[in-house]
N, C-alpha and C. Protein backbone atom coordinates (compact mmCIF):
# COMPACT_ATOMS: atom_id res chain seq x y z
N MET A 1 70.97 94.92 106.53
CA MET A 1 71.51 93.61 106.26
C MET A 1 70.61 92.51 106.80
N ASP A 2 70.13 92.66 108.03
CA ASP A 2 69.24 91.67 108.62
C ASP A 2 67.96 91.51 107.79
N GLN A 3 67.45 92.63 107.27
CA GLN A 3 66.25 92.58 106.44
C GLN A 3 66.52 91.82 105.15
N PHE A 4 67.72 92.01 104.59
CA PHE A 4 68.08 91.29 103.36
C PHE A 4 68.04 89.79 103.58
N ILE A 5 68.62 89.33 104.69
CA ILE A 5 68.67 87.90 104.97
C ILE A 5 67.27 87.34 105.19
N LYS A 6 66.41 88.14 105.86
CA LYS A 6 65.04 87.70 106.10
C LYS A 6 64.28 87.49 104.79
N THR A 7 64.51 88.37 103.84
CA THR A 7 63.77 88.31 102.57
C THR A 7 64.47 87.45 101.53
N ASN A 8 65.71 87.02 101.81
CA ASN A 8 66.44 86.15 100.90
C ASN A 8 67.02 84.99 101.72
N PRO A 9 66.22 84.04 102.12
CA PRO A 9 66.66 83.04 103.08
C PRO A 9 67.67 82.03 102.58
N ASN A 10 67.82 81.90 101.25
CA ASN A 10 68.69 80.84 100.74
C ASN A 10 69.84 81.32 99.86
N PRO A 11 70.35 82.56 100.01
CA PRO A 11 71.40 82.98 99.10
C PRO A 11 72.79 82.64 99.59
N ILE A 12 72.92 82.10 100.79
CA ILE A 12 74.23 81.99 101.41
C ILE A 12 74.88 80.65 101.05
N ASN A 13 76.15 80.72 100.64
CA ASN A 13 76.94 79.53 100.37
C ASN A 13 77.31 78.89 101.70
N THR A 14 76.79 77.70 101.98
CA THR A 14 77.00 77.08 103.29
C THR A 14 78.03 75.96 103.25
N ASN A 15 78.84 75.89 102.21
CA ASN A 15 79.79 74.79 102.07
C ASN A 15 80.76 74.70 103.24
N ASN A 16 81.15 75.84 103.81
CA ASN A 16 82.14 75.85 104.87
C ASN A 16 81.54 75.93 106.26
N ASN A 17 80.24 76.14 106.36
CA ASN A 17 79.64 76.48 107.64
C ASN A 17 79.61 75.34 108.64
N ASN A 18 79.80 74.08 108.19
CA ASN A 18 79.73 72.96 109.10
C ASN A 18 81.11 72.41 109.47
N LYS A 19 82.16 73.11 109.13
CA LYS A 19 83.51 72.66 109.43
C LYS A 19 83.90 73.03 110.86
N ILE A 20 84.46 72.07 111.58
CA ILE A 20 84.93 72.30 112.94
C ILE A 20 86.35 72.84 112.88
N ILE A 21 86.63 73.91 113.61
CA ILE A 21 87.98 74.46 113.59
C ILE A 21 88.85 73.76 114.63
N VAL A 22 90.03 73.38 114.20
CA VAL A 22 91.01 72.68 115.04
C VAL A 22 92.20 73.61 115.21
N GLU A 23 92.74 73.65 116.43
CA GLU A 23 93.78 74.64 116.74
C GLU A 23 94.96 74.61 115.78
N ASP A 24 95.53 73.43 115.54
CA ASP A 24 96.76 73.37 114.74
C ASP A 24 96.50 73.51 113.24
N GLU A 25 95.23 73.63 112.85
CA GLU A 25 94.90 73.88 111.45
C GLU A 25 94.39 75.30 111.23
N THR A 26 94.48 76.12 112.27
CA THR A 26 93.84 77.44 112.25
C THR A 26 94.86 78.55 112.42
N LEU A 27 94.64 79.63 111.70
CA LEU A 27 95.46 80.84 111.80
C LEU A 27 94.57 82.03 112.14
N LEU A 28 95.03 82.84 113.09
CA LEU A 28 94.41 84.15 113.32
C LEU A 28 95.19 85.17 112.51
N LEU A 29 94.53 85.79 111.54
CA LEU A 29 95.15 86.80 110.69
C LEU A 29 94.66 88.18 111.10
N ILE A 30 95.60 89.05 111.44
CA ILE A 30 95.28 90.41 111.86
C ILE A 30 95.69 91.36 110.74
N VAL A 31 94.71 91.96 110.10
CA VAL A 31 94.95 92.73 108.88
C VAL A 31 95.05 94.23 109.18
N ASP A 32 96.24 94.78 109.01
CA ASP A 32 96.47 96.23 108.89
C ASP A 32 95.97 97.07 110.06
N VAL A 33 96.15 96.60 111.28
CA VAL A 33 95.76 97.40 112.45
C VAL A 33 96.93 98.34 112.77
N GLN A 34 97.04 99.39 111.96
CA GLN A 34 98.20 100.28 111.96
C GLN A 34 97.88 101.66 112.51
N GLN A 35 98.93 102.35 112.89
CA GLN A 35 98.82 103.61 113.61
C GLN A 35 97.98 104.65 112.88
N LYS A 36 98.22 104.84 111.60
CA LYS A 36 97.52 105.91 110.88
C LYS A 36 96.17 105.47 110.33
N LEU A 37 95.90 104.19 110.35
CA LEU A 37 94.61 103.69 109.86
C LEU A 37 93.57 103.58 110.96
N ILE A 38 94.00 103.14 112.13
CA ILE A 38 93.04 102.80 113.18
C ILE A 38 92.32 104.02 113.74
N LYS A 39 92.96 105.18 113.71
CA LYS A 39 92.38 106.35 114.37
C LYS A 39 91.06 106.81 113.75
N ASN A 40 90.83 106.47 112.48
CA ASN A 40 89.60 106.89 111.81
C ASN A 40 88.53 105.80 111.75
N ILE A 41 88.80 104.67 112.37
CA ILE A 41 87.87 103.54 112.31
C ILE A 41 86.78 103.70 113.36
N LYS A 42 85.55 103.45 112.95
CA LYS A 42 84.41 103.55 113.86
C LYS A 42 84.56 102.55 115.01
N ASP A 43 84.33 103.01 116.24
CA ASP A 43 84.42 102.17 117.44
C ASP A 43 85.76 101.45 117.52
N ASN A 44 86.83 102.20 117.26
CA ASN A 44 88.15 101.58 117.15
C ASN A 44 88.65 100.95 118.45
N GLN A 45 88.32 101.54 119.59
CA GLN A 45 88.80 100.97 120.85
C GLN A 45 88.14 99.62 121.15
N GLN A 46 86.87 99.51 120.86
CA GLN A 46 86.18 98.23 121.02
C GLN A 46 86.76 97.19 120.07
N LEU A 47 87.07 97.60 118.86
CA LEU A 47 87.66 96.71 117.88
C LEU A 47 89.01 96.18 118.36
N ILE A 48 89.86 97.09 118.83
CA ILE A 48 91.17 96.69 119.35
C ILE A 48 91.02 95.73 120.52
N PHE A 49 90.09 96.04 121.40
CA PHE A 49 89.83 95.20 122.57
C PHE A 49 89.47 93.78 122.15
N ASN A 50 88.59 93.64 121.17
CA ASN A 50 88.17 92.32 120.72
C ASN A 50 89.30 91.56 120.03
N ILE A 51 90.08 92.25 119.22
CA ILE A 51 91.21 91.60 118.57
C ILE A 51 92.21 91.10 119.61
N LYS A 52 92.44 91.90 120.65
CA LYS A 52 93.37 91.48 121.71
C LYS A 52 92.85 90.25 122.45
N LYS A 53 91.54 90.15 122.62
CA LYS A 53 90.97 88.95 123.25
C LYS A 53 91.23 87.71 122.38
N LEU A 54 91.08 87.87 121.08
CA LEU A 54 91.39 86.76 120.18
C LEU A 54 92.87 86.40 120.25
N ILE A 55 93.73 87.41 120.28
CA ILE A 55 95.17 87.17 120.37
C ILE A 55 95.51 86.43 121.65
N ASP A 56 94.99 86.90 122.77
CA ASP A 56 95.29 86.27 124.06
C ASP A 56 94.85 84.81 124.08
N THR A 57 93.69 84.55 123.51
CA THR A 57 93.19 83.17 123.45
C THR A 57 94.07 82.31 122.56
N CYS A 58 94.42 82.82 121.40
CA CYS A 58 95.26 82.05 120.48
C CYS A 58 96.63 81.77 121.07
N ASN A 59 97.21 82.74 121.75
CA ASN A 59 98.49 82.51 122.42
C ASN A 59 98.36 81.42 123.47
N LEU A 60 97.28 81.44 124.20
CA LEU A 60 97.04 80.46 125.27
C LEU A 60 96.85 79.05 124.71
N LEU A 61 96.18 78.95 123.57
CA LEU A 61 95.83 77.65 122.99
C LEU A 61 96.78 77.23 121.87
N ASN A 62 97.87 77.98 121.71
CA ASN A 62 98.88 77.67 120.69
C ASN A 62 98.34 77.68 119.27
N VAL A 63 97.44 78.62 119.02
CA VAL A 63 96.96 78.86 117.66
C VAL A 63 97.85 79.92 117.04
N ARG A 64 98.32 79.68 115.86
CA ARG A 64 99.26 80.62 115.23
C ARG A 64 98.59 81.94 114.86
N ILE A 65 99.40 82.99 114.90
CA ILE A 65 98.94 84.36 114.63
C ILE A 65 99.88 84.98 113.60
N ALA A 66 99.32 85.69 112.63
CA ALA A 66 100.12 86.43 111.66
C ALA A 66 99.52 87.82 111.48
N ILE A 67 100.38 88.75 111.08
CA ILE A 67 100.00 90.15 110.95
C ILE A 67 100.35 90.64 109.54
N THR A 68 99.48 91.48 108.98
CA THR A 68 99.82 92.15 107.73
C THR A 68 99.86 93.66 107.95
N GLU A 69 100.66 94.33 107.14
CA GLU A 69 100.77 95.79 107.21
C GLU A 69 100.71 96.37 105.80
N GLN A 70 99.82 97.32 105.61
CA GLN A 70 99.66 98.00 104.32
C GLN A 70 100.59 99.21 104.27
N ASN A 71 101.56 99.17 103.35
CA ASN A 71 102.48 100.30 103.14
C ASN A 71 102.93 100.91 104.47
N PRO A 72 103.63 100.14 105.31
CA PRO A 72 103.95 100.60 106.66
C PRO A 72 104.82 101.85 106.72
N LEU A 73 105.61 102.11 105.68
CA LEU A 73 106.42 103.32 105.69
C LEU A 73 105.55 104.57 105.72
N LYS A 74 104.38 104.49 105.11
CA LYS A 74 103.48 105.63 105.04
C LYS A 74 102.39 105.58 106.12
N LEU A 75 101.93 104.38 106.44
CA LEU A 75 100.77 104.23 107.34
C LEU A 75 101.14 103.79 108.75
N GLY A 76 102.42 103.58 108.98
CA GLY A 76 102.87 103.21 110.32
C GLY A 76 102.82 101.72 110.57
N LYS A 77 103.43 101.33 111.68
CA LYS A 77 103.49 99.93 112.07
C LYS A 77 102.20 99.50 112.77
N THR A 78 102.07 98.20 112.98
CA THR A 78 100.97 97.66 113.77
C THR A 78 101.03 98.23 115.18
N LEU A 79 99.88 98.50 115.77
CA LEU A 79 99.83 99.05 117.12
C LEU A 79 100.62 98.18 118.09
N GLU A 80 101.37 98.82 118.97
CA GLU A 80 102.15 98.08 119.96
C GLU A 80 101.25 97.29 120.90
N SER A 81 100.05 97.80 121.14
CA SER A 81 99.11 97.08 122.01
C SER A 81 98.64 95.77 121.39
N ILE A 82 98.75 95.67 120.07
CA ILE A 82 98.39 94.44 119.37
C ILE A 82 99.56 93.45 119.41
N THR A 83 100.74 93.90 119.07
CA THR A 83 101.90 93.00 119.04
C THR A 83 102.37 92.65 120.45
N ASP A 84 102.31 93.61 121.37
CA ASP A 84 102.64 93.37 122.78
C ASP A 84 103.98 92.64 122.94
N ASN A 85 104.97 93.12 122.17
CA ASN A 85 106.34 92.59 122.23
C ASN A 85 106.47 91.15 121.73
N ASN A 86 105.45 90.62 121.09
CA ASN A 86 105.54 89.29 120.49
C ASN A 86 106.03 89.40 119.05
N GLU A 87 106.80 88.43 118.63
CA GLU A 87 107.35 88.42 117.27
C GLU A 87 106.48 87.54 116.37
N TYR A 88 105.33 88.06 116.00
CA TYR A 88 104.46 87.32 115.09
C TYR A 88 104.97 87.46 113.66
N PRO A 89 104.76 86.45 112.82
CA PRO A 89 105.08 86.62 111.40
C PRO A 89 104.35 87.84 110.84
N LYS A 90 105.10 88.67 110.12
CA LYS A 90 104.54 89.92 109.62
C LYS A 90 104.77 90.01 108.11
N PHE A 91 103.74 90.42 107.40
CA PHE A 91 103.81 90.48 105.95
C PHE A 91 103.43 91.88 105.48
N GLU A 92 104.41 92.58 104.91
CA GLU A 92 104.16 93.92 104.38
C GLU A 92 103.64 93.81 102.95
N LYS A 93 102.78 94.77 102.59
CA LYS A 93 102.17 94.70 101.28
C LYS A 93 101.82 96.09 100.77
N MET A 94 101.66 96.18 99.47
CA MET A 94 101.13 97.37 98.83
C MET A 94 99.75 97.09 98.25
N GLU A 95 99.55 95.84 97.83
CA GLU A 95 98.24 95.42 97.31
C GLU A 95 97.26 95.31 98.47
N PHE A 96 95.97 95.46 98.17
CA PHE A 96 94.96 95.38 99.22
C PHE A 96 94.78 93.94 99.71
N SER A 97 94.89 92.96 98.83
CA SER A 97 94.75 91.57 99.23
C SER A 97 96.09 90.99 99.64
N CYS A 98 96.10 90.28 100.76
CA CYS A 98 97.32 89.63 101.23
C CYS A 98 97.77 88.52 100.30
N ILE A 99 96.87 88.03 99.48
CA ILE A 99 97.15 86.88 98.64
C ILE A 99 98.26 87.17 97.62
N ASN A 100 98.50 88.45 97.37
CA ASN A 100 99.53 88.83 96.40
C ASN A 100 100.93 88.83 96.99
N ASN A 101 101.03 88.61 98.29
CA ASN A 101 102.33 88.52 98.95
C ASN A 101 102.79 87.06 98.91
N LYS A 102 103.85 86.78 98.15
CA LYS A 102 104.30 85.40 97.96
C LYS A 102 104.75 84.76 99.27
N LYS A 103 105.34 85.56 100.15
CA LYS A 103 105.78 85.02 101.44
C LYS A 103 104.58 84.60 102.29
N PHE A 104 103.50 85.37 102.19
CA PHE A 104 102.29 85.02 102.93
C PHE A 104 101.71 83.70 102.42
N ILE A 105 101.63 83.55 101.12
CA ILE A 105 101.10 82.31 100.54
C ILE A 105 101.97 81.12 100.92
N LYS A 106 103.29 81.31 100.89
CA LYS A 106 104.20 80.23 101.30
C LYS A 106 103.95 79.86 102.76
N TYR A 107 103.74 80.86 103.60
CA TYR A 107 103.47 80.62 105.02
C TYR A 107 102.18 79.81 105.19
N ILE A 108 101.14 80.19 104.47
CA ILE A 108 99.87 79.46 104.53
C ILE A 108 100.05 78.01 104.10
N ASN A 109 100.80 77.82 103.02
CA ASN A 109 101.00 76.47 102.49
C ASN A 109 101.90 75.63 103.38
N ASP A 110 102.95 76.25 103.92
CA ASP A 110 103.90 75.51 104.77
C ASP A 110 103.23 74.91 105.99
N TYR A 111 102.30 75.65 106.58
CA TYR A 111 101.61 75.16 107.78
C TYR A 111 100.30 74.45 107.46
N ASN A 112 99.96 74.42 106.18
CA ASN A 112 98.76 73.70 105.74
C ASN A 112 97.51 74.12 106.53
N PHE A 113 97.36 75.43 106.69
CA PHE A 113 96.18 75.93 107.39
C PHE A 113 94.92 75.60 106.60
N LYS A 114 93.88 75.21 107.32
CA LYS A 114 92.59 74.97 106.70
C LYS A 114 91.57 76.04 107.07
N ASN A 115 91.78 76.66 108.23
CA ASN A 115 90.86 77.69 108.73
C ASN A 115 91.63 78.97 109.01
N ILE A 116 91.10 80.09 108.55
CA ILE A 116 91.71 81.38 108.85
C ILE A 116 90.66 82.31 109.43
N ILE A 117 90.92 82.76 110.65
CA ILE A 117 90.09 83.78 111.29
C ILE A 117 90.63 85.13 110.84
N VAL A 118 89.84 85.88 110.11
CA VAL A 118 90.31 87.16 109.56
C VAL A 118 89.72 88.30 110.38
N SER A 119 90.61 89.09 110.98
CA SER A 119 90.20 90.26 111.75
C SER A 119 90.97 91.47 111.25
N GLY A 120 90.55 92.67 111.66
CA GLY A 120 91.30 93.87 111.31
C GLY A 120 90.53 94.87 110.47
N ILE A 121 91.28 95.65 109.68
CA ILE A 121 90.70 96.77 108.96
C ILE A 121 91.30 96.88 107.55
N GLU A 122 90.66 97.58 106.62
CA GLU A 122 89.27 97.93 106.72
C GLU A 122 88.44 96.82 106.13
N SER A 123 87.26 96.64 106.71
CA SER A 123 86.40 95.53 106.32
C SER A 123 86.13 95.48 104.83
N HIS A 124 85.87 96.64 104.24
CA HIS A 124 85.42 96.69 102.84
C HIS A 124 86.56 96.75 101.84
N ILE A 125 87.79 96.77 102.33
CA ILE A 125 88.93 96.85 101.41
C ILE A 125 89.84 95.63 101.62
N CYS A 126 90.81 95.74 102.51
CA CYS A 126 91.81 94.68 102.67
C CYS A 126 91.25 93.41 103.29
N VAL A 127 90.37 93.55 104.28
CA VAL A 127 89.75 92.36 104.88
C VAL A 127 88.90 91.64 103.83
N LEU A 128 88.11 92.40 103.10
CA LEU A 128 87.24 91.82 102.07
C LEU A 128 88.04 91.13 100.98
N GLN A 129 88.99 91.84 100.38
CA GLN A 129 89.72 91.28 99.24
C GLN A 129 90.57 90.09 99.65
N THR A 130 91.19 90.16 100.83
CA THR A 130 91.97 89.04 101.32
C THR A 130 91.09 87.82 101.54
N SER A 131 89.97 88.02 102.20
CA SER A 131 89.06 86.90 102.51
C SER A 131 88.49 86.28 101.25
N MET A 132 88.10 87.12 100.29
CA MET A 132 87.54 86.60 99.04
C MET A 132 88.57 85.74 98.30
N ASP A 133 89.81 86.20 98.28
CA ASP A 133 90.86 85.44 97.60
C ASP A 133 91.16 84.13 98.33
N LEU A 134 91.16 84.16 99.65
CA LEU A 134 91.40 82.93 100.42
C LEU A 134 90.26 81.94 100.25
N LEU A 135 89.04 82.44 100.15
CA LEU A 135 87.90 81.57 99.86
C LEU A 135 88.08 80.89 98.50
N GLN A 136 88.59 81.63 97.53
CA GLN A 136 88.82 81.07 96.20
C GLN A 136 89.85 79.94 96.25
N LYS A 137 90.75 79.98 97.23
CA LYS A 137 91.76 78.93 97.38
C LYS A 137 91.21 77.73 98.16
N GLY A 138 89.96 77.80 98.58
CA GLY A 138 89.34 76.67 99.25
C GLY A 138 89.49 76.66 100.75
N LEU A 139 89.98 77.75 101.32
CA LEU A 139 90.16 77.82 102.77
C LEU A 139 88.85 78.17 103.47
N ASN A 140 88.71 77.73 104.70
CA ASN A 140 87.56 78.04 105.52
C ASN A 140 87.82 79.37 106.22
N ILE A 141 87.08 80.40 105.87
CA ILE A 141 87.31 81.75 106.38
C ILE A 141 86.24 82.10 107.40
N LEU A 142 86.68 82.48 108.59
CA LEU A 142 85.77 82.86 109.67
C LEU A 142 85.93 84.34 109.95
N ILE A 143 84.81 85.04 110.00
CA ILE A 143 84.81 86.49 110.18
C ILE A 143 84.13 86.86 111.49
N PRO A 144 84.89 87.27 112.51
CA PRO A 144 84.26 87.78 113.73
C PRO A 144 83.74 89.19 113.49
N ARG A 145 82.44 89.33 113.47
CA ARG A 145 81.83 90.59 113.07
C ARG A 145 82.28 91.76 113.96
N ASP A 146 82.56 91.48 115.22
CA ASP A 146 82.95 92.53 116.15
C ASP A 146 84.46 92.73 116.22
N ALA A 147 85.21 92.09 115.30
CA ALA A 147 86.66 92.27 115.26
C ALA A 147 87.14 92.68 113.87
N ILE A 148 86.23 93.23 113.08
CA ILE A 148 86.58 93.88 111.82
C ILE A 148 85.96 95.28 111.84
N GLY A 149 86.53 96.19 111.08
CA GLY A 149 85.99 97.55 111.13
C GLY A 149 86.32 98.37 109.89
N SER A 150 85.53 99.41 109.71
CA SER A 150 85.72 100.39 108.64
C SER A 150 85.47 101.78 109.21
N ARG A 151 85.69 102.78 108.37
CA ARG A 151 85.45 104.15 108.84
C ARG A 151 83.97 104.44 109.02
N ASN A 152 83.12 103.75 108.26
CA ASN A 152 81.69 103.99 108.44
C ASN A 152 80.91 102.67 108.44
N LYS A 153 79.76 102.71 109.04
CA LYS A 153 78.95 101.51 109.27
C LYS A 153 78.48 100.87 107.97
N MET A 154 78.11 101.67 106.99
CA MET A 154 77.61 101.13 105.73
C MET A 154 78.66 100.25 105.05
N ASP A 155 79.89 100.74 104.97
CA ASP A 155 80.95 99.94 104.36
C ASP A 155 81.19 98.65 105.14
N ASN A 156 81.21 98.77 106.46
CA ASN A 156 81.46 97.61 107.31
C ASN A 156 80.36 96.55 107.14
N ASP A 157 79.11 96.98 107.21
CA ASP A 157 77.99 96.04 107.10
C ASP A 157 77.92 95.40 105.72
N THR A 158 78.16 96.21 104.69
CA THR A 158 78.08 95.69 103.32
C THR A 158 79.18 94.66 103.06
N ALA A 159 80.38 94.94 103.55
CA ALA A 159 81.49 94.00 103.38
C ALA A 159 81.20 92.69 104.10
N PHE A 160 80.69 92.78 105.32
CA PHE A 160 80.37 91.57 106.09
C PHE A 160 79.31 90.74 105.36
N LEU A 161 78.28 91.40 104.85
CA LEU A 161 77.23 90.70 104.12
C LEU A 161 77.79 90.01 102.88
N ARG A 162 78.61 90.73 102.12
CA ARG A 162 79.17 90.13 100.90
C ARG A 162 80.03 88.91 101.24
N LEU A 163 80.80 88.99 102.30
CA LEU A 163 81.64 87.86 102.68
C LEU A 163 80.81 86.64 103.06
N ILE A 164 79.75 86.85 103.82
CA ILE A 164 78.91 85.73 104.22
C ILE A 164 78.20 85.13 103.01
N LEU A 165 77.71 85.98 102.12
CA LEU A 165 77.07 85.48 100.90
C LEU A 165 78.05 84.71 100.02
N SER A 166 79.34 85.01 100.15
CA SER A 166 80.37 84.37 99.33
C SER A 166 80.90 83.09 99.96
N GLY A 167 80.47 82.78 101.18
CA GLY A 167 80.88 81.51 101.79
C GLY A 167 81.70 81.61 103.05
N ALA A 168 82.04 82.82 103.48
CA ALA A 168 82.73 82.96 104.77
C ALA A 168 81.76 82.65 105.90
N VAL A 169 82.31 82.28 107.05
CA VAL A 169 81.49 81.90 108.20
C VAL A 169 81.36 83.09 109.14
N ALA A 170 80.13 83.48 109.42
CA ALA A 170 79.87 84.59 110.34
C ALA A 170 80.09 84.12 111.77
N SER A 171 80.75 84.98 112.56
CA SER A 171 80.96 84.63 113.96
C SER A 171 81.17 85.91 114.77
N THR A 172 81.51 85.73 116.04
CA THR A 172 81.86 86.84 116.93
C THR A 172 83.11 86.45 117.70
N THR A 173 83.70 87.43 118.36
CA THR A 173 84.90 87.16 119.15
C THR A 173 84.65 86.08 120.19
N GLU A 174 83.61 86.26 120.99
CA GLU A 174 83.35 85.29 122.07
C GLU A 174 83.03 83.91 121.52
N SER A 175 82.26 83.85 120.46
CA SER A 175 81.92 82.56 119.87
C SER A 175 83.17 81.82 119.39
N LEU A 176 84.08 82.53 118.74
CA LEU A 176 85.30 81.90 118.25
C LEU A 176 86.21 81.46 119.39
N ILE A 177 86.28 82.25 120.44
CA ILE A 177 87.07 81.86 121.61
C ILE A 177 86.57 80.53 122.16
N CYS A 178 85.27 80.41 122.30
CA CYS A 178 84.68 79.17 122.83
C CYS A 178 84.83 78.02 121.84
N GLU A 179 84.76 78.32 120.56
CA GLU A 179 84.91 77.27 119.55
C GLU A 179 86.33 76.72 119.54
N LEU A 180 87.30 77.59 119.76
CA LEU A 180 88.69 77.14 119.84
C LEU A 180 88.95 76.34 121.11
N CYS A 181 88.36 76.79 122.20
CA CYS A 181 88.57 76.12 123.50
C CYS A 181 87.84 74.77 123.57
N LYS A 182 86.62 74.74 123.08
CA LYS A 182 85.79 73.54 122.94
C LYS A 182 85.24 72.95 124.22
N THR A 183 85.95 72.99 125.32
CA THR A 183 85.49 72.34 126.54
C THR A 183 86.01 73.06 127.78
N SER A 184 85.23 73.00 128.85
CA SER A 184 85.69 73.56 130.12
C SER A 184 86.61 72.58 130.85
N ASN A 185 86.71 71.37 130.30
CA ASN A 185 87.51 70.32 130.92
C ASN A 185 88.91 70.26 130.31
N ARG A 186 89.56 71.41 130.26
CA ARG A 186 90.94 71.46 129.79
C ARG A 186 91.70 72.45 130.66
N LYS A 187 92.99 72.26 130.75
CA LYS A 187 93.79 73.03 131.71
C LYS A 187 93.78 74.52 131.42
N GLU A 188 93.59 74.92 130.16
CA GLU A 188 93.62 76.34 129.81
C GLU A 188 92.31 77.06 130.07
N PHE A 189 91.27 76.31 130.42
CA PHE A 189 89.95 76.94 130.48
C PHE A 189 89.87 78.05 131.52
N ARG A 190 90.54 77.90 132.64
CA ARG A 190 90.48 78.94 133.67
C ARG A 190 90.94 80.28 133.11
N GLU A 191 92.03 80.26 132.33
CA GLU A 191 92.54 81.49 131.73
C GLU A 191 91.64 81.96 130.59
N VAL A 192 91.10 81.03 129.83
CA VAL A 192 90.15 81.40 128.78
C VAL A 192 88.93 82.07 129.39
N SER A 193 88.47 81.54 130.50
CA SER A 193 87.31 82.11 131.19
C SER A 193 87.56 83.55 131.61
N LYS A 194 88.78 83.83 132.05
CA LYS A 194 89.14 85.20 132.44
C LYS A 194 89.08 86.13 131.23
N ILE A 195 89.54 85.64 130.10
CA ILE A 195 89.48 86.44 128.86
C ILE A 195 88.03 86.74 128.50
N LEU A 196 87.19 85.73 128.60
CA LEU A 196 85.77 85.91 128.26
C LEU A 196 85.08 86.90 129.19
N LYS A 197 85.45 86.87 130.45
CA LYS A 197 84.79 87.73 131.44
C LYS A 197 85.27 89.17 131.37
N ASN A 198 86.40 89.38 130.72
CA ASN A 198 86.96 90.73 130.60
C ASN A 198 86.11 91.55 129.63
N SER A 199 85.42 92.55 130.12
CA SER A 199 84.49 93.32 129.29
C SER A 199 85.05 94.69 128.95
N PHE A 200 84.63 95.21 127.81
CA PHE A 200 85.12 96.51 127.34
C PHE A 200 84.46 97.64 128.10
N SER A 201 85.26 98.64 128.44
CA SER A 201 84.73 99.87 129.04
C SER A 201 85.48 101.04 128.46
N ASN A 202 84.76 102.11 128.12
CA ASN A 202 85.38 103.29 127.51
C ASN A 202 86.29 104.00 128.50
């Protein structure tokens, strides 16, 4: 992927790349981090760890969070470590793209979100199709590369590349945390700093 970008310096749609994300206009969307899906995902514990860091930051900064579940009767519920006894809006689906869930679209419209941070699994299926559809609706889509995953690296990397070429904004967990926080001169920064300093260990 890096070689592709080096040899194709101007293929990326940059229309959304200069938009500043504001807390009350932003949603953290956690896609299908379910019991029977996560166990086969490459580097799944690191992925869960990064998503939880995003969740903790969003809870601290009052950024809204929503969860989707793909066929939960068959694939299980969202991991308890992700929900952590919080009652986040949850949208069940059979289609790969969340955009086909009318309740989800109503939720997006009701809160007039302009920015959606899309995390979860699998990168090349539900994350990809959801993000592509949301881009078509004119939303600013941010993809933390270390908070999406697939069963294999090729699918994950290819999905990430396609999303960036289509206009999504490439980012990382730590970068988005700092972008949401914006300044060390705010009361929440001490707790945000603790989240940032918390490092993954196997």
